Amino acid sequence: MKPFSVQRLGVILATLLGLGLLFAAQPASAAVSGSSFAVDRKTAAPGDQLTLTLSLTNTESTDIYFAYEFIQPIWPANQEAGAFTVTGCSGDSTDCAVNGNNANFHFRAPIAPGETRTVALTVQITSAPTWTGPYTLNWAPYVYYEYDQASGAKDQLWANGLPELATVIG
């Protein structure tokens, strides 16, 4: 058996780096077009209720046969324990799981090309705030759907929140 050498280590590291670059260059999931989001109030007071509207329009050429969405608040609102609660949802979903400050659901499918499904989430702002001064409540949605039985799937996370979902609580 040959002794281990620095050259051999270099070849191994170069191979690993090459494989890493190859796999890193693979395309990620495509961004979700046809998603839209809105909140009914840009400012709110303690005790108010907000309605978040989350819609998905099928922009594909085939039916969407599976569609999932998860939504949660972003920082710093996600650090405000008890400041607000998602209280329910309604609309074009087959289920809805609410867990404190976040929710997830499946849009009713199939969704034909050009059709839209919409879900509304209600959010209750606490009437006895634990914070001082105004803060911005913003949301980070994640949408995933499958549209082509062979291989079509798209997803997107709006990790930094969306201006159209921001509400200043004062």
N, C-alpha and C. Protein backbone atom coordinates (compact mmCIF):
# COMPACT_ATOMS: atom_id res chain seq x y z
N MET A 1 0.84 -1.17 0.00
CA MET A 1 0.00 0.00 0.00
C MET A 1 0.89 1.24 0.00
N LYS A 2 0.55 2.20 -0.85
CA LYS A 2 1.34 3.42 -0.96
C LYS A 2 1.07 4.32 0.25
N PRO A 3 2.09 5.06 0.69
CA PRO A 3 1.87 5.98 1.80
C PRO A 3 0.99 7.15 1.34
N PHE A 4 0.26 7.70 2.28
CA PHE A 4 -0.61 8.84 2.00
C PHE A 4 0.25 10.07 1.73
N SER A 5 -0.07 10.82 0.70
CA SER A 5 0.74 11.98 0.34
C SER A 5 -0.11 13.24 0.24
N VAL A 6 0.57 14.35 0.28
CA VAL A 6 -0.10 15.64 0.14
C VAL A 6 -0.73 15.75 -1.24
N GLN A 7 -0.06 15.18 -2.26
CA GLN A 7 -0.62 15.21 -3.61
C GLN A 7 -1.94 14.46 -3.67
N ARG A 8 -1.99 13.31 -3.03
CA ARG A 8 -3.21 12.52 -3.02
C ARG A 8 -4.33 13.31 -2.31
N LEU A 9 -3.99 13.97 -1.21
CA LEU A 9 -4.96 14.79 -0.50
C LEU A 9 -5.48 15.91 -1.40
N GLY A 10 -4.56 16.52 -2.17
CA GLY A 10 -4.96 17.58 -3.10
C GLY A 10 -5.93 17.09 -4.16
N VAL A 11 -5.68 15.90 -4.69
CA VAL A 11 -6.57 15.32 -5.70
C VAL A 11 -7.94 15.04 -5.09
N ILE A 12 -7.97 14.51 -3.90
CA ILE A 12 -9.24 14.22 -3.22
C ILE A 12 -10.01 15.51 -2.98
N LEU A 13 -9.35 16.53 -2.47
CA LEU A 13 -10.01 17.81 -2.21
C LEU A 13 -10.50 18.46 -3.49
N ALA A 14 -9.72 18.40 -4.55
CA ALA A 14 -10.14 18.97 -5.84
C ALA A 14 -11.37 18.24 -6.38
N THR A 15 -11.40 16.93 -6.22
CA THR A 15 -12.55 16.14 -6.67
C THR A 15 -13.80 16.52 -5.89
N LEU A 16 -13.66 16.63 -4.57
CA LEU A 16 -14.80 17.01 -3.73
C LEU A 16 -15.30 18.41 -4.08
N LEU A 17 -14.37 19.34 -4.30
CA LEU A 17 -14.75 20.69 -4.68
C LEU A 17 -15.48 20.68 -6.02
N GLY A 18 -14.97 19.93 -6.98
CA GLY A 18 -15.63 19.83 -8.29
C GLY A 18 -17.04 19.28 -8.18
N LEU A 19 -17.21 18.22 -7.38
CA LEU A 19 -18.56 17.66 -7.18
C LEU A 19 -19.47 18.66 -6.49
N GLY A 20 -18.93 19.38 -5.53
CA GLY A 20 -19.73 20.39 -4.84
C GLY A 20 -20.21 21.47 -5.79
N LEU A 21 -19.32 21.94 -6.67
CA LEU A 21 -19.72 22.95 -7.65
C LEU A 21 -20.73 22.41 -8.63
N LEU A 22 -20.58 21.16 -9.03
CA LEU A 22 -21.52 20.54 -9.96
C LEU A 22 -22.92 20.50 -9.35
N PHE A 23 -23.02 20.02 -8.11
CA PHE A 23 -24.34 19.92 -7.48
C PHE A 23 -24.89 21.28 -7.10
N ALA A 24 -24.05 22.22 -6.75
CA ALA A 24 -24.51 23.57 -6.43
C ALA A 24 -25.08 24.26 -7.66
N ALA A 25 -24.62 23.89 -8.85
CA ALA A 25 -25.08 24.51 -10.08
C ALA A 25 -26.43 23.96 -10.55
N GLN A 26 -26.94 22.93 -9.91
CA GLN A 26 -28.24 22.38 -10.29
C GLN A 26 -29.32 23.42 -10.02
N PRO A 27 -30.30 23.55 -10.89
CA PRO A 27 -31.33 24.57 -10.68
C PRO A 27 -32.18 24.26 -9.45
N ALA A 28 -32.49 25.30 -8.72
CA ALA A 28 -33.38 25.16 -7.56
C ALA A 28 -34.81 25.14 -8.08
N SER A 29 -35.75 24.91 -7.19
CA SER A 29 -37.15 24.95 -7.58
C SER A 29 -37.48 26.31 -8.17
N ALA A 30 -38.31 26.31 -9.15
CA ALA A 30 -38.70 27.55 -9.80
C ALA A 30 -39.59 28.38 -8.88
N ALA A 31 -39.52 29.68 -9.04
CA ALA A 31 -40.33 30.57 -8.23
C ALA A 31 -41.81 30.42 -8.58
N VAL A 32 -42.62 30.66 -7.61
CA VAL A 32 -44.07 30.54 -7.77
C VAL A 32 -44.63 31.83 -8.34
N SER A 33 -45.14 31.76 -9.56
CA SER A 33 -45.87 32.90 -10.10
C SER A 33 -47.35 32.65 -9.82
N GLY A 34 -48.12 33.69 -9.84
CA GLY A 34 -49.55 33.53 -9.58
C GLY A 34 -49.93 33.62 -8.13
N SER A 35 -48.97 33.83 -7.22
CA SER A 35 -49.29 34.00 -5.81
C SER A 35 -49.56 35.47 -5.54
N SER A 36 -50.56 35.74 -4.72
CA SER A 36 -50.81 37.12 -4.31
C SER A 36 -51.21 37.12 -2.84
N PHE A 37 -50.89 38.23 -2.18
CA PHE A 37 -51.08 38.33 -0.74
C PHE A 37 -51.58 39.73 -0.41
N ALA A 38 -52.42 39.84 0.62
CA ALA A 38 -52.90 41.15 1.06
C ALA A 38 -53.31 41.08 2.52
N VAL A 39 -53.29 42.23 3.18
CA VAL A 39 -53.81 42.37 4.53
C VAL A 39 -54.81 43.52 4.49
N ASP A 40 -55.89 43.41 5.24
CA ASP A 40 -56.94 44.42 5.15
C ASP A 40 -56.64 45.70 5.91
N ARG A 41 -55.60 45.76 6.74
CA ARG A 41 -55.25 46.97 7.48
C ARG A 41 -53.75 47.19 7.44
N LYS A 42 -53.34 48.39 7.11
CA LYS A 42 -51.91 48.75 7.15
C LYS A 42 -51.51 49.27 8.53
N THR A 43 -52.48 49.71 9.32
CA THR A 43 -52.25 50.09 10.71
C THR A 43 -53.37 49.48 11.54
N ALA A 44 -53.05 49.13 12.78
CA ALA A 44 -54.04 48.54 13.67
C ALA A 44 -53.68 48.92 15.11
N ALA A 45 -54.64 48.75 15.97
CA ALA A 45 -54.47 49.05 17.39
C ALA A 45 -54.66 47.76 18.19
N PRO A 46 -54.18 47.76 19.43
CA PRO A 46 -54.43 46.60 20.28
C PRO A 46 -55.93 46.28 20.32
N GLY A 47 -56.25 45.00 20.19
CA GLY A 47 -57.64 44.55 20.19
C GLY A 47 -58.23 44.39 18.80
N ASP A 48 -57.59 44.93 17.78
CA ASP A 48 -58.10 44.83 16.41
C ASP A 48 -57.91 43.42 15.85
N GLN A 49 -58.66 43.15 14.81
CA GLN A 49 -58.53 41.89 14.08
C GLN A 49 -58.08 42.21 12.66
N LEU A 50 -57.16 41.40 12.13
CA LEU A 50 -56.68 41.54 10.76
C LEU A 50 -57.16 40.37 9.94
N THR A 51 -57.27 40.57 8.64
CA THR A 51 -57.55 39.48 7.72
C THR A 51 -56.45 39.44 6.67
N LEU A 52 -55.74 38.32 6.61
CA LEU A 52 -54.73 38.10 5.58
C LEU A 52 -55.39 37.30 4.46
N THR A 53 -55.22 37.75 3.23
CA THR A 53 -55.79 37.04 2.07
C THR A 53 -54.63 36.48 1.25
N LEU A 54 -54.68 35.18 1.03
CA LEU A 54 -53.61 34.46 0.33
C LEU A 54 -54.23 33.75 -0.87
N SER A 55 -53.75 34.07 -2.06
CA SER A 55 -54.33 33.51 -3.28
C SER A 55 -53.27 32.84 -4.15
N LEU A 56 -53.71 31.84 -4.88
CA LEU A 56 -52.85 31.15 -5.84
C LEU A 56 -53.63 31.00 -7.13
N THR A 57 -53.10 31.58 -8.22
CA THR A 57 -53.67 31.44 -9.55
C THR A 57 -52.77 30.49 -10.33
N ASN A 58 -53.39 29.51 -10.98
CA ASN A 58 -52.63 28.55 -11.77
C ASN A 58 -52.17 29.21 -13.06
N THR A 59 -50.86 29.45 -13.18
CA THR A 59 -50.29 30.02 -14.40
C THR A 59 -49.64 28.95 -15.27
N GLU A 60 -49.82 27.68 -14.90
CA GLU A 60 -49.25 26.57 -15.66
C GLU A 60 -50.20 26.17 -16.80
N SER A 61 -49.75 25.28 -17.66
CA SER A 61 -50.59 24.81 -18.77
C SER A 61 -51.34 23.54 -18.42
N THR A 62 -51.10 22.98 -17.24
CA THR A 62 -51.82 21.80 -16.76
C THR A 62 -52.39 22.09 -15.37
N ASP A 63 -53.27 21.24 -14.92
CA ASP A 63 -53.86 21.41 -13.59
C ASP A 63 -52.79 21.36 -12.50
N ILE A 64 -52.98 22.17 -11.47
CA ILE A 64 -52.23 22.00 -10.22
C ILE A 64 -53.00 20.95 -9.43
N TYR A 65 -52.35 19.85 -9.09
CA TYR A 65 -53.06 18.78 -8.39
C TYR A 65 -52.72 18.71 -6.91
N PHE A 66 -51.76 19.54 -6.44
CA PHE A 66 -51.43 19.59 -5.02
C PHE A 66 -50.87 20.98 -4.74
N ALA A 67 -51.39 21.66 -3.72
CA ALA A 67 -50.90 23.00 -3.38
C ALA A 67 -50.95 23.19 -1.87
N TYR A 68 -49.83 23.64 -1.32
CA TYR A 68 -49.65 23.78 0.13
C TYR A 68 -49.12 25.17 0.43
N GLU A 69 -49.56 25.75 1.55
CA GLU A 69 -49.02 27.02 1.99
C GLU A 69 -48.84 27.02 3.49
N PHE A 70 -47.73 27.64 3.93
CA PHE A 70 -47.42 27.84 5.34
C PHE A 70 -47.11 29.32 5.50
N ILE A 71 -47.57 29.92 6.59
CA ILE A 71 -47.29 31.34 6.81
C ILE A 71 -46.96 31.56 8.28
N GLN A 72 -45.93 32.39 8.51
CA GLN A 72 -45.52 32.70 9.87
C GLN A 72 -45.04 34.15 9.93
N PRO A 73 -45.06 34.77 11.11
CA PRO A 73 -44.55 36.13 11.23
C PRO A 73 -43.03 36.15 11.16
N ILE A 74 -42.48 37.28 10.75
CA ILE A 74 -41.02 37.43 10.73
C ILE A 74 -40.59 38.26 11.94
N TRP A 75 -39.28 38.33 12.14
CA TRP A 75 -38.72 39.11 13.24
C TRP A 75 -38.98 40.58 13.02
N PRO A 76 -39.30 41.38 14.01
CA PRO A 76 -39.31 41.08 15.44
C PRO A 76 -40.65 40.60 15.97
N ALA A 77 -41.67 40.60 15.10
CA ALA A 77 -43.00 40.23 15.58
C ALA A 77 -43.05 38.80 16.10
N ASN A 78 -42.24 37.91 15.55
CA ASN A 78 -42.26 36.53 16.02
C ASN A 78 -41.68 36.39 17.43
N GLN A 79 -41.09 37.47 17.94
CA GLN A 79 -40.57 37.46 19.31
C GLN A 79 -41.58 38.01 20.32
N GLU A 80 -42.70 38.52 19.83
CA GLU A 80 -43.73 39.12 20.69
C GLU A 80 -44.73 38.05 21.13
N ALA A 81 -44.34 37.23 22.08
CA ALA A 81 -45.22 36.15 22.55
C ALA A 81 -46.53 36.73 23.09
N GLY A 82 -47.63 36.21 22.58
CA GLY A 82 -48.95 36.64 23.03
C GLY A 82 -49.43 37.95 22.47
N ALA A 83 -48.66 38.58 21.57
CA ALA A 83 -49.07 39.86 21.00
C ALA A 83 -50.19 39.71 19.99
N PHE A 84 -50.26 38.56 19.33
CA PHE A 84 -51.29 38.29 18.34
C PHE A 84 -51.40 36.79 18.17
N THR A 85 -52.54 36.37 17.62
CA THR A 85 -52.79 34.95 17.41
C THR A 85 -53.56 34.76 16.12
N VAL A 86 -53.16 33.79 15.31
CA VAL A 86 -53.98 33.39 14.16
C VAL A 86 -55.16 32.62 14.74
N THR A 87 -56.36 33.07 14.46
CA THR A 87 -57.55 32.46 15.09
C THR A 87 -58.34 31.56 14.16
N GLY A 88 -58.08 31.62 12.87
CA GLY A 88 -58.83 30.74 11.97
C GLY A 88 -58.59 31.06 10.52
N CYS A 89 -59.19 30.22 9.69
CA CYS A 89 -59.08 30.47 8.25
C CYS A 89 -60.36 29.99 7.57
N SER A 90 -60.57 30.53 6.38
CA SER A 90 -61.74 30.17 5.59
C SER A 90 -61.39 30.29 4.12
N GLY A 91 -62.19 29.68 3.29
CA GLY A 91 -61.98 29.80 1.86
C GLY A 91 -61.72 28.47 1.18
N ASP A 92 -60.92 28.53 0.12
CA ASP A 92 -60.70 27.39 -0.76
C ASP A 92 -59.60 26.46 -0.27
N SER A 93 -59.75 25.93 0.95
CA SER A 93 -58.76 24.98 1.46
C SER A 93 -59.46 23.69 1.88
N THR A 94 -58.69 22.62 1.86
CA THR A 94 -59.24 21.33 2.32
C THR A 94 -59.00 21.12 3.79
N ASP A 95 -58.07 21.88 4.36
CA ASP A 95 -57.75 21.79 5.78
C ASP A 95 -57.04 23.07 6.18
N CYS A 96 -56.95 23.30 7.47
CA CYS A 96 -56.21 24.44 7.96
C CYS A 96 -55.75 24.13 9.38
N ALA A 97 -54.46 24.19 9.61
CA ALA A 97 -53.91 23.96 10.95
C ALA A 97 -53.37 25.28 11.46
N VAL A 98 -53.92 25.74 12.56
CA VAL A 98 -53.51 26.99 13.18
C VAL A 98 -52.74 26.64 14.44
N ASN A 99 -51.57 27.27 14.59
CA ASN A 99 -50.74 26.99 15.75
C ASN A 99 -50.18 28.30 16.29
N GLY A 100 -50.94 28.99 17.11
CA GLY A 100 -50.48 30.25 17.70
C GLY A 100 -50.31 31.33 16.68
N ASN A 101 -49.07 31.61 16.29
CA ASN A 101 -48.78 32.70 15.36
C ASN A 101 -48.55 32.26 13.93
N ASN A 102 -48.87 31.01 13.60
CA ASN A 102 -48.69 30.57 12.22
C ASN A 102 -49.82 29.64 11.81
N ALA A 103 -49.88 29.38 10.52
CA ALA A 103 -50.92 28.51 9.97
C ALA A 103 -50.39 27.82 8.73
N ASN A 104 -50.98 26.66 8.42
CA ASN A 104 -50.68 25.99 7.16
C ASN A 104 -51.95 25.33 6.65
N PHE A 105 -52.03 25.21 5.34
CA PHE A 105 -53.24 24.66 4.72
C PHE A 105 -52.91 24.15 3.33
N HIS A 106 -53.85 23.40 2.77
CA HIS A 106 -53.77 22.92 1.39
C HIS A 106 -54.90 23.59 0.61
N PHE A 107 -54.54 24.24 -0.49
CA PHE A 107 -55.57 24.78 -1.37
C PHE A 107 -56.38 23.63 -1.95
N ARG A 108 -57.68 23.85 -2.15
CA ARG A 108 -58.53 22.84 -2.76
C ARG A 108 -58.05 22.60 -4.19
N ALA A 109 -57.80 21.35 -4.53
CA ALA A 109 -57.26 21.00 -5.86
C ALA A 109 -58.15 19.94 -6.48
N PRO A 110 -58.15 19.81 -7.78
CA PRO A 110 -57.25 20.43 -8.73
C PRO A 110 -57.60 21.90 -8.99
N ILE A 111 -56.58 22.63 -9.47
CA ILE A 111 -56.77 24.03 -9.87
C ILE A 111 -56.45 24.06 -11.36
N ALA A 112 -57.46 24.30 -12.17
CA ALA A 112 -57.29 24.33 -13.62
C ALA A 112 -56.48 25.56 -14.04
N PRO A 113 -55.84 25.51 -15.20
CA PRO A 113 -55.10 26.68 -15.68
C PRO A 113 -55.99 27.92 -15.70
N GLY A 114 -55.48 29.01 -15.13
CA GLY A 114 -56.24 30.27 -15.06
C GLY A 114 -57.13 30.42 -13.85
N GLU A 115 -57.44 29.33 -13.14
CA GLU A 115 -58.29 29.42 -11.95
C GLU A 115 -57.49 29.89 -10.74
N THR A 116 -58.22 30.48 -9.78
CA THR A 116 -57.61 31.00 -8.55
C THR A 116 -58.28 30.39 -7.34
N ARG A 117 -57.49 30.08 -6.33
CA ARG A 117 -57.99 29.65 -5.02
C ARG A 117 -57.52 30.70 -4.01
N THR A 118 -58.41 31.02 -3.06
CA THR A 118 -58.12 32.05 -2.06
C THR A 118 -58.48 31.55 -0.68
N VAL A 119 -57.60 31.83 0.28
CA VAL A 119 -57.83 31.51 1.68
C VAL A 119 -57.63 32.78 2.50
N ALA A 120 -58.51 33.01 3.46
CA ALA A 120 -58.40 34.17 4.36
C ALA A 120 -58.08 33.69 5.77
N LEU A 121 -57.05 34.28 6.35
CA LEU A 121 -56.68 33.98 7.74
C LEU A 121 -57.07 35.17 8.61
N THR A 122 -57.64 34.89 9.77
CA THR A 122 -57.94 35.96 10.72
C THR A 122 -56.87 35.96 11.80
N VAL A 123 -56.45 37.16 12.18
CA VAL A 123 -55.40 37.36 13.18
C VAL A 123 -55.94 38.33 14.22
N GLN A 124 -55.92 37.93 15.47
CA GLN A 124 -56.38 38.78 16.57
C GLN A 124 -55.17 39.40 17.27
N ILE A 125 -55.17 40.74 17.35
CA ILE A 125 -54.13 41.46 18.08
C ILE A 125 -54.57 41.52 19.53
N THR A 126 -53.66 41.26 20.46
CA THR A 126 -54.01 41.27 21.87
C THR A 126 -54.53 42.64 22.30
N SER A 127 -55.46 42.65 23.23
CA SER A 127 -55.99 43.93 23.72
C SER A 127 -55.15 44.49 24.85
N ALA A 128 -54.26 43.69 25.42
CA ALA A 128 -53.38 44.14 26.50
C ALA A 128 -51.93 43.91 26.06
N PRO A 129 -51.36 44.84 25.29
CA PRO A 129 -50.03 44.61 24.74
C PRO A 129 -48.95 44.54 25.83
N THR A 130 -47.93 43.73 25.54
CA THR A 130 -46.79 43.61 26.44
C THR A 130 -45.62 44.43 25.92
N TRP A 131 -45.77 45.06 24.76
CA TRP A 131 -44.71 45.83 24.15
C TRP A 131 -44.94 47.32 24.36
N THR A 132 -43.92 48.10 24.15
CA THR A 132 -44.06 49.56 24.20
C THR A 132 -43.76 50.11 22.82
N GLY A 133 -44.57 51.05 22.41
CA GLY A 133 -44.39 51.66 21.10
C GLY A 133 -44.90 50.78 19.98
N PRO A 134 -44.96 51.32 18.77
CA PRO A 134 -45.44 50.54 17.64
C PRO A 134 -44.42 49.49 17.18
N TYR A 135 -44.91 48.45 16.58
CA TYR A 135 -44.06 47.48 15.92
C TYR A 135 -44.75 47.04 14.64
N THR A 136 -43.96 46.53 13.71
CA THR A 136 -44.51 46.08 12.43
C THR A 136 -44.70 44.58 12.46
N LEU A 137 -45.92 44.17 12.19
CA LEU A 137 -46.26 42.76 12.07
C LEU A 137 -46.21 42.43 10.58
N ASN A 138 -45.28 41.56 10.21
CA ASN A 138 -45.14 41.17 8.81
C ASN A 138 -45.06 39.65 8.74
N TRP A 139 -45.35 39.11 7.58
CA TRP A 139 -45.52 37.67 7.42
C TRP A 139 -44.64 37.11 6.32
N ALA A 140 -44.15 35.88 6.53
CA ALA A 140 -43.34 35.17 5.55
C ALA A 140 -44.11 33.94 5.08
N PRO A 141 -44.70 34.00 3.90
CA PRO A 141 -45.40 32.83 3.38
C PRO A 141 -44.44 31.89 2.63
N TYR A 142 -44.78 30.62 2.64
CA TYR A 142 -44.10 29.60 1.83
C TYR A 142 -45.19 28.91 1.02
N VAL A 143 -45.01 28.85 -0.29
CA VAL A 143 -45.98 28.21 -1.19
C VAL A 143 -45.28 27.09 -1.95
N TYR A 144 -45.94 25.94 -2.05
CA TYR A 144 -45.44 24.80 -2.80
C TYR A 144 -46.60 24.22 -3.59
N TYR A 145 -46.36 23.91 -4.87
CA TYR A 145 -47.40 23.21 -5.63
C TYR A 145 -46.80 22.27 -6.65
N GLU A 146 -47.62 21.27 -7.04
CA GLU A 146 -47.25 20.29 -8.06
C GLU A 146 -48.26 20.38 -9.18
N TYR A 147 -47.77 20.41 -10.43
CA TYR A 147 -48.68 20.64 -11.56
C TYR A 147 -48.51 19.67 -12.71
N ASP A 148 -47.47 18.90 -12.74
CA ASP A 148 -47.24 18.00 -13.86
C ASP A 148 -46.87 16.66 -13.27
N GLN A 149 -47.68 15.66 -13.53
CA GLN A 149 -47.46 14.35 -12.92
C GLN A 149 -46.03 13.84 -13.15
N ALA A 150 -45.40 14.23 -14.24
CA ALA A 150 -44.06 13.73 -14.54
C ALA A 150 -42.99 14.34 -13.63
N SER A 151 -42.99 15.66 -13.50
CA SER A 151 -41.90 16.27 -12.70
C SER A 151 -42.15 17.70 -12.27
N GLY A 152 -43.29 18.27 -12.56
CA GLY A 152 -43.49 19.69 -12.31
C GLY A 152 -43.83 20.02 -10.87
N ALA A 153 -42.96 20.79 -10.24
CA ALA A 153 -43.21 21.28 -8.89
C ALA A 153 -42.53 22.64 -8.76
N LYS A 154 -43.16 23.54 -8.04
CA LYS A 154 -42.58 24.86 -7.79
C LYS A 154 -42.80 25.21 -6.33
N ASP A 155 -41.84 25.98 -5.78
CA ASP A 155 -42.03 26.47 -4.43
C ASP A 155 -41.29 27.79 -4.27
N GLN A 156 -41.68 28.52 -3.24
CA GLN A 156 -41.02 29.79 -2.94
C GLN A 156 -41.29 30.15 -1.50
N LEU A 157 -40.25 30.67 -0.84
CA LEU A 157 -40.35 31.19 0.51
C LEU A 157 -40.02 32.68 0.46
N TRP A 158 -40.89 33.50 1.00
CA TRP A 158 -40.64 34.92 1.11
C TRP A 158 -40.14 35.16 2.54
N ALA A 159 -38.88 34.77 2.80
CA ALA A 159 -38.33 34.73 4.15
C ALA A 159 -38.25 36.11 4.81
N ASN A 160 -38.15 37.17 4.03
CA ASN A 160 -38.03 38.50 4.61
C ASN A 160 -39.38 39.20 4.74
N GLY A 161 -40.45 38.47 4.52
CA GLY A 161 -41.77 39.08 4.60
C GLY A 161 -42.11 39.83 3.32
N LEU A 162 -43.31 40.34 3.28
CA LEU A 162 -43.79 41.05 2.10
C LEU A 162 -44.43 42.38 2.50
N PRO A 163 -44.12 43.46 1.81
CA PRO A 163 -44.73 44.76 2.13
C PRO A 163 -46.25 44.70 2.13
N GLU A 164 -46.82 43.92 1.22
CA GLU A 164 -48.29 43.85 1.14
C GLU A 164 -48.92 43.11 2.32
N LEU A 165 -48.11 42.47 3.16
CA LEU A 165 -48.62 41.79 4.35
C LEU A 165 -48.23 42.50 5.66
N ALA A 166 -47.64 43.68 5.57
CA ALA A 166 -47.17 44.39 6.77
C ALA A 166 -48.27 45.27 7.38
N THR A 167 -48.35 45.22 8.69
CA THR A 167 -49.28 46.08 9.44
C THR A 167 -48.53 46.67 10.62
N VAL A 168 -48.64 47.97 10.82
CA VAL A 168 -48.02 48.63 11.97
C VAL A 168 -49.02 48.57 13.11
N ILE A 169 -48.60 47.96 14.21
CA ILE A 169 -49.45 47.86 15.40
C ILE A 169 -48.98 48.93 16.38
N GLY A 170 -49.89 49.82 16.75
CA GLY A 170 -49.49 50.93 17.63
C GLY A 170 -50.38 51.11 18.81
